[in-house]
């Protein structure tokens, strides 16, 4: 894979999450203007903002994993030193991958169920599975990013003796 393709793929989560947040902020600002200045409320704006927020959160989880920005409980890594820290981190990442994969599978099952029912959102009348698709997409990407982080530990690219790992 070329460097340009890798950089593009690495930016997907950032672009999607930021775009959803920007869209949500814009829609809420328009709704506030409509409601308080023009005295006319939009029927669909709150629903769309909510769904953009959901997509932003799930895709943002993957982005946070890619950038190593998730909150962690690091007491075991700090108490027992760098050797144990490596194995504790690997174990935590393997558990995270397992959780993300389970949620991805169950999320796709839920999406399939919703697609079969034909359920639509109340105001936008969009198929409900588009909203729920955020769960397996976000968790699948997070599993991929956590696997990448685990491989970087096995390759020796993470230094557990540096203060940034503590």
C-alpha atoms as a PDB file:
ATOM      1  CA  UNK A   1       0.000   0.000   0.000  1.00  0.00           C
ATOM      2  CA  UNK A   2       1.400   3.359  -0.952  1.00  0.00           C
ATOM      3  CA  UNK A   3       2.078   6.058   1.619  1.00  0.00           C
ATOM      4  CA  UNK A   4      -0.592   8.299   0.079  1.00  0.00           C
ATOM      5  CA  UNK A   5      -3.270   5.573   0.381  1.00  0.00           C
ATOM      6  CA  UNK A   6      -2.219   4.848   3.968  1.00  0.00           C
ATOM      7  CA  UNK A   7      -2.444   8.529   4.888  1.00  0.00           C
ATOM      8  CA  UNK A   8      -5.883   8.730   3.263  1.00  0.00           C
ATOM      9  CA  UNK A   9      -7.105   5.664   5.150  1.00  0.00           C
ATOM     10  CA  UNK A  10      -5.670   7.018   8.403  1.00  0.00           C
ATOM     11  CA  UNK A  11      -7.654  10.234   7.915  1.00  0.00           C
ATOM     12  CA  UNK A  12     -11.069   8.617   7.338  1.00  0.00           C
ATOM     13  CA  UNK A  13     -12.095   8.531  10.989  1.00  0.00           C
ATOM     14  CA  UNK A  14     -10.920  12.096  11.563  1.00  0.00           C
ATOM     15  CA  UNK A  15     -12.785  13.471   8.546  1.00  0.00           C
ATOM     16  CA  UNK A  16     -16.021  11.577   9.219  1.00  0.00           C
ATOM     17  CA  UNK A  17     -16.089  12.370  12.935  1.00  0.00           C
ATOM     18  CA  UNK A  18     -15.203  16.040  12.467  1.00  0.00           C
ATOM     19  CA  UNK A  19     -17.706  16.430   9.629  1.00  0.00           C
ATOM     20  CA  UNK A  20     -20.475  14.938  11.739  1.00  0.00           C
ATOM     21  CA  UNK A  21     -19.622  17.261  14.641  1.00  0.00           C
ATOM     22  CA  UNK A  22     -19.486  20.298  12.361  1.00  0.00           C
ATOM     23  CA  UNK A  23     -22.778  19.347  10.731  1.00  0.00           C
ATOM     24  CA  UNK A  24     -24.361  18.835  14.133  1.00  0.00           C
ATOM     25  CA  UNK A  25     -23.192  22.235  15.369  1.00  0.00           C
ATOM     26  CA  UNK A  26     -24.451  23.939  12.221  1.00  0.00           C
ATOM     27  CA  UNK A  27     -27.849  22.246  12.416  1.00  0.00           C
ATOM     28  CA  UNK A  28     -28.260  23.135  16.089  1.00  0.00           C
ATOM     29  CA  UNK A  29     -27.285  26.764  15.389  1.00  0.00           C
ATOM     30  CA  UNK A  30     -29.860  26.942  12.581  1.00  0.00           C
ATOM     31  CA  UNK A  31     -32.475  25.396  14.865  1.00  0.00           C
ATOM     32  CA  UNK A  32     -31.783  27.925  17.627  1.00  0.00           C
ATOM     33  CA  UNK A  33     -32.022  30.793  15.132  1.00  0.00           C
ATOM     34  CA  UNK A  34     -35.250  29.414  13.693  1.00  0.00           C
ATOM     35  CA  UNK A  35     -36.830  28.865  17.095  1.00  0.00           C
ATOM     36  CA  UNK A  36     -35.852  32.057  18.926  1.00  0.00           C
ATOM     37  CA  UNK A  37     -35.499  34.597  16.128  1.00  0.00           C
ATOM     38  CA  UNK A  38     -37.999  33.463  13.523  1.00  0.00           C
ATOM     39  CA  UNK A  39     -40.375  31.800  16.033  1.00  0.00           C
ATOM     40  CA  UNK A  40     -40.573  28.748  13.770  1.00  0.00           C
ATOM     41  CA  UNK A  41     -39.071  25.416  14.777  1.00  0.00           C
ATOM     42  CA  UNK A  42     -37.666  22.822  12.376  1.00  0.00           C
ATOM     43  CA  UNK A  43     -39.172  19.362  12.805  1.00  0.00           C
ATOM     44  CA  UNK A  44     -36.140  17.353  11.713  1.00  0.00           C
ATOM     45  CA  UNK A  45     -33.124  19.257  13.071  1.00  0.00           C
ATOM     46  CA  UNK A  46     -32.861  17.733  16.543  1.00  0.00           C
ATOM     47  CA  UNK A  47     -33.192  14.224  15.176  1.00  0.00           C
ATOM     48  CA  UNK A  48     -30.511  14.750  12.531  1.00  0.00           C
ATOM     49  CA  UNK A  49     -28.176  16.381  15.068  1.00  0.00           C
ATOM     50  CA  UNK A  50     -28.647  13.393  17.393  1.00  0.00           C
ATOM     51  CA  UNK A  51     -27.817  10.916  14.625  1.00  0.00           C
ATOM     52  CA  UNK A  52     -24.753  12.898  13.529  1.00  0.00           C
ATOM     53  CA  UNK A  53     -23.593  12.908  17.147  1.00  0.00           C
ATOM     54  CA  UNK A  54     -23.995   9.117  17.356  1.00  0.00           C
ATOM     55  CA  UNK A  55     -21.920   8.630  14.190  1.00  0.00           C
ATOM     56  CA  UNK A  56     -19.322  11.082  15.456  1.00  0.00           C
ATOM     57  CA  UNK A  57     -18.936   9.207  18.743  1.00  0.00           C
ATOM     58  CA  UNK A  58     -18.565   5.728  17.265  1.00  0.00           C
ATOM     59  CA  UNK A  59     -16.214   6.736  14.475  1.00  0.00           C
ATOM     60  CA  UNK A  60     -14.388   9.037  16.923  1.00  0.00           C
ATOM     61  CA  UNK A  61     -13.681   6.023  19.162  1.00  0.00           C
ATOM     62  CA  UNK A  62     -11.680   4.518  16.322  1.00  0.00           C
ATOM     63  CA  UNK A  63      -9.863   7.801  15.761  1.00  0.00           C
ATOM     64  CA  UNK A  64      -9.010   8.071  19.460  1.00  0.00           C
ATOM     65  CA  UNK A  65      -7.623   4.539  19.368  1.00  0.00           C
ATOM     66  CA  UNK A  66      -5.513   5.340  16.317  1.00  0.00           C
ATOM     67  CA  UNK A  67      -4.044   8.380  18.101  1.00  0.00           C
ATOM     68  CA  UNK A  68      -3.726   6.565  21.480  1.00  0.00           C
ATOM     69  CA  UNK A  69      -6.030   9.081  23.150  1.00  0.00           C
ATOM     70  CA  UNK A  70      -8.388   6.788  25.067  1.00  0.00           C
ATOM     71  CA  UNK A  71      -8.408   7.054  28.839  1.00  0.00           C
ATOM     72  CA  UNK A  72      -6.763   4.113  30.556  1.00  0.00           C
ATOM     73  CA  UNK A  73      -6.278   2.778  34.060  1.00  0.00           C
ATOM     74  CA  UNK A  74      -2.502   2.436  34.179  1.00  0.00           C
ATOM     75  CA  UNK A  75      -1.853   1.427  37.780  1.00  0.00           C
ATOM     76  CA  UNK A  76      -0.623  -2.085  36.890  1.00  0.00           C
ATOM     77  CA  UNK A  77       1.716  -0.719  34.239  1.00  0.00           C
ATOM     78  CA  UNK A  78       3.116   1.873  36.636  1.00  0.00           C
ATOM     79  CA  UNK A  79       3.519  -0.384  39.666  1.00  0.00           C
ATOM     80  CA  UNK A  80       5.214  -3.390  38.066  1.00  0.00           C
ATOM     81  CA  UNK A  81       7.519  -1.757  35.554  1.00  0.00           C
ATOM     82  CA  UNK A  82       8.072  -1.887  31.802  1.00  0.00           C
ATOM     83  CA  UNK A  83       8.250  -5.666  31.368  1.00  0.00           C
ATOM     84  CA  UNK A  84       4.889  -6.276  32.992  1.00  0.00           C
ATOM     85  CA  UNK A  85       3.492  -3.114  31.373  1.00  0.00           C
ATOM     86  CA  UNK A  86       4.020  -4.611  27.941  1.00  0.00           C
ATOM     87  CA  UNK A  87       2.076  -7.774  28.757  1.00  0.00           C
ATOM     88  CA  UNK A  88      -0.675  -5.956  30.631  1.00  0.00           C
ATOM     89  CA  UNK A  89      -1.138  -3.633  27.664  1.00  0.00           C
ATOM     90  CA  UNK A  90      -1.231  -6.542  25.208  1.00  0.00           C
ATOM     91  CA  UNK A  91      -3.809  -8.351  27.364  1.00  0.00           C
ATOM     92  CA  UNK A  92      -5.926  -5.190  27.582  1.00  0.00           C
ATOM     93  CA  UNK A  93      -5.720  -4.687  23.824  1.00  0.00           C
ATOM     94  CA  UNK A  94      -6.715  -8.306  23.155  1.00  0.00           C
ATOM     95  CA  UNK A  95      -9.739  -7.889  25.450  1.00  0.00           C
ATOM     96  CA  UNK A  96     -10.611  -4.651  23.656  1.00  0.00           C
ATOM     97  CA  UNK A  97     -10.371  -6.344  20.254  1.00  0.00           C
ATOM     98  CA  UNK A  98     -12.606  -9.183  21.481  1.00  0.00           C
ATOM     99  CA  UNK A  99     -15.188  -6.740  22.820  1.00  0.00           C
ATOM    100  CA  UNK A 100     -15.141  -4.640  19.653  1.00  0.00           C
ATOM    101  CA  UNK A 101     -15.530  -7.703  17.436  1.00  0.00           C
ATOM    102  CA  UNK A 102     -18.493  -8.968  19.484  1.00  0.00           C
ATOM    103  CA  UNK A 103     -20.177  -5.572  19.283  1.00  0.00           C
ATOM    104  CA  UNK A 104     -19.426  -5.434  15.548  1.00  0.00           C
ATOM    105  CA  UNK A 105     -21.052  -8.822  14.912  1.00  0.00           C
ATOM    106  CA  UNK A 106     -24.071  -8.063  17.100  1.00  0.00           C
ATOM    107  CA  UNK A 107     -24.323  -4.609  15.568  1.00  0.00           C
ATOM    108  CA  UNK A 108     -24.477  -6.030  12.049  1.00  0.00           C
ATOM    109  CA  UNK A 109     -27.136  -8.490  13.215  1.00  0.00           C
ATOM    110  CA  UNK A 110     -29.156  -5.566  14.565  1.00  0.00           C
ATOM    111  CA  UNK A 111     -28.704  -3.661  11.305  1.00  0.00           C
ATOM    112  CA  UNK A 112     -29.928  -6.698   9.354  1.00  0.00           C
ATOM    113  CA  UNK A 113     -32.933  -7.005  11.653  1.00  0.00           C
ATOM    114  CA  UNK A 114     -33.815  -3.323  11.263  1.00  0.00           C
ATOM    115  CA  UNK A 115     -33.385  -3.507   7.499  1.00  0.00           C
ATOM    116  CA  UNK A 116     -35.864  -6.386   7.486  1.00  0.00           C
ATOM    117  CA  UNK A 117     -38.444  -4.505   9.539  1.00  0.00           C
ATOM    118  CA  UNK A 118     -38.306  -1.371   7.408  1.00  0.00           C
ATOM    119  CA  UNK A 119     -38.442   0.834  10.513  1.00  0.00           C
ATOM    120  CA  UNK A 120     -37.903   4.531   9.784  1.00  0.00           C
ATOM    121  CA  UNK A 121     -36.851   7.462  11.939  1.00  0.00           C
ATOM    122  CA  UNK A 122     -39.786   9.623  13.090  1.00  0.00           C
ATOM    123  CA  UNK A 123     -38.972  13.030  11.591  1.00  0.00           C
ATOM    124  CA  UNK A 124     -36.528  12.314   8.776  1.00  0.00           C
ATOM    125  CA  UNK A 125     -38.175   9.064   7.681  1.00  0.00           C
ATOM    126  CA  UNK A 126     -34.767   7.548   6.934  1.00  0.00           C
ATOM    127  CA  UNK A 127     -34.298   3.823   7.350  1.00  0.00           C
ATOM    128  CA  UNK A 128     -33.360   3.262  11.014  1.00  0.00           C
ATOM    129  CA  UNK A 129     -30.571   0.870  10.108  1.00  0.00           C
ATOM    130  CA  UNK A 130     -28.491   3.834   8.855  1.00  0.00           C
ATOM    131  CA  UNK A 131     -28.361   5.144  12.425  1.00  0.00           C
ATOM    132  CA  UNK A 132     -27.534   1.746  13.931  1.00  0.00           C
ATOM    133  CA  UNK A 133     -24.881   1.087  11.280  1.00  0.00           C
ATOM    134  CA  UNK A 134     -22.650   3.479  13.230  1.00  0.00           C
ATOM    135  CA  UNK A 135     -22.142   0.844  15.950  1.00  0.00           C
ATOM    136  CA  UNK A 136     -20.620  -1.976  13.878  1.00  0.00           C
ATOM    137  CA  UNK A 137     -18.711   0.456  11.649  1.00  0.00           C
ATOM    138  CA  UNK A 138     -17.192   2.333  14.592  1.00  0.00           C
ATOM    139  CA  UNK A 139     -16.435  -0.770  16.651  1.00  0.00           C
ATOM    140  CA  UNK A 140     -15.050  -2.618  13.624  1.00  0.00           C
ATOM    141  CA  UNK A 141     -12.697   0.267  12.905  1.00  0.00           C
ATOM    142  CA  UNK A 142     -11.747   0.417  16.590  1.00  0.00           C
ATOM    143  CA  UNK A 143     -10.931  -3.320  16.548  1.00  0.00           C
ATOM    144  CA  UNK A 144      -8.741  -2.734  13.490  1.00  0.00           C
ATOM    145  CA  UNK A 145      -6.963   0.223  15.105  1.00  0.00           C
ATOM    146  CA  UNK A 146      -6.440  -1.701  18.360  1.00  0.00           C
ATOM    147  CA  UNK A 147      -4.993  -4.615  16.382  1.00  0.00           C
ATOM    148  CA  UNK A 148      -2.609  -2.162  14.690  1.00  0.00           C
ATOM    149  CA  UNK A 149      -1.533  -0.860  18.111  1.00  0.00           C
ATOM    150  CA  UNK A 150      -1.012  -4.428  19.351  1.00  0.00           C
ATOM    151  CA  UNK A 151       1.166  -5.231  16.342  1.00  0.00           C
ATOM    152  CA  UNK A 152       3.226  -2.111  17.001  1.00  0.00           C
ATOM    153  CA  UNK A 153       3.966  -3.453  20.500  1.00  0.00           C
ATOM    154  CA  UNK A 154       5.046  -6.820  19.080  1.00  0.00           C
ATOM    155  CA  UNK A 155       7.304  -5.032  16.575  1.00  0.00           C
ATOM    156  CA  UNK A 156       8.970  -3.133  19.426  1.00  0.00           C
ATOM    157  CA  UNK A 157       7.719   0.284  18.280  1.00  0.00           C
ATOM    158  CA  UNK A 158       6.347   1.157  21.743  1.00  0.00           C
ATOM    159  CA  UNK A 159       8.834   2.050  24.478  1.00  0.00           C
ATOM    160  CA  UNK A 160       7.396   1.097  27.867  1.00  0.00           C
ATOM    161  CA  UNK A 161      10.356   2.648  29.709  1.00  0.00           C
ATOM    162  CA  UNK A 162       9.519   6.188  28.567  1.00  0.00           C
ATOM    163  CA  UNK A 163       7.458   8.463  30.824  1.00  0.00           C
ATOM    164  CA  UNK A 164       4.777   8.845  28.117  1.00  0.00           C
ATOM    165  CA  UNK A 165       3.784   5.197  28.615  1.00  0.00           C
ATOM    166  CA  UNK A 166       3.317   5.641  32.359  1.00  0.00           C
END
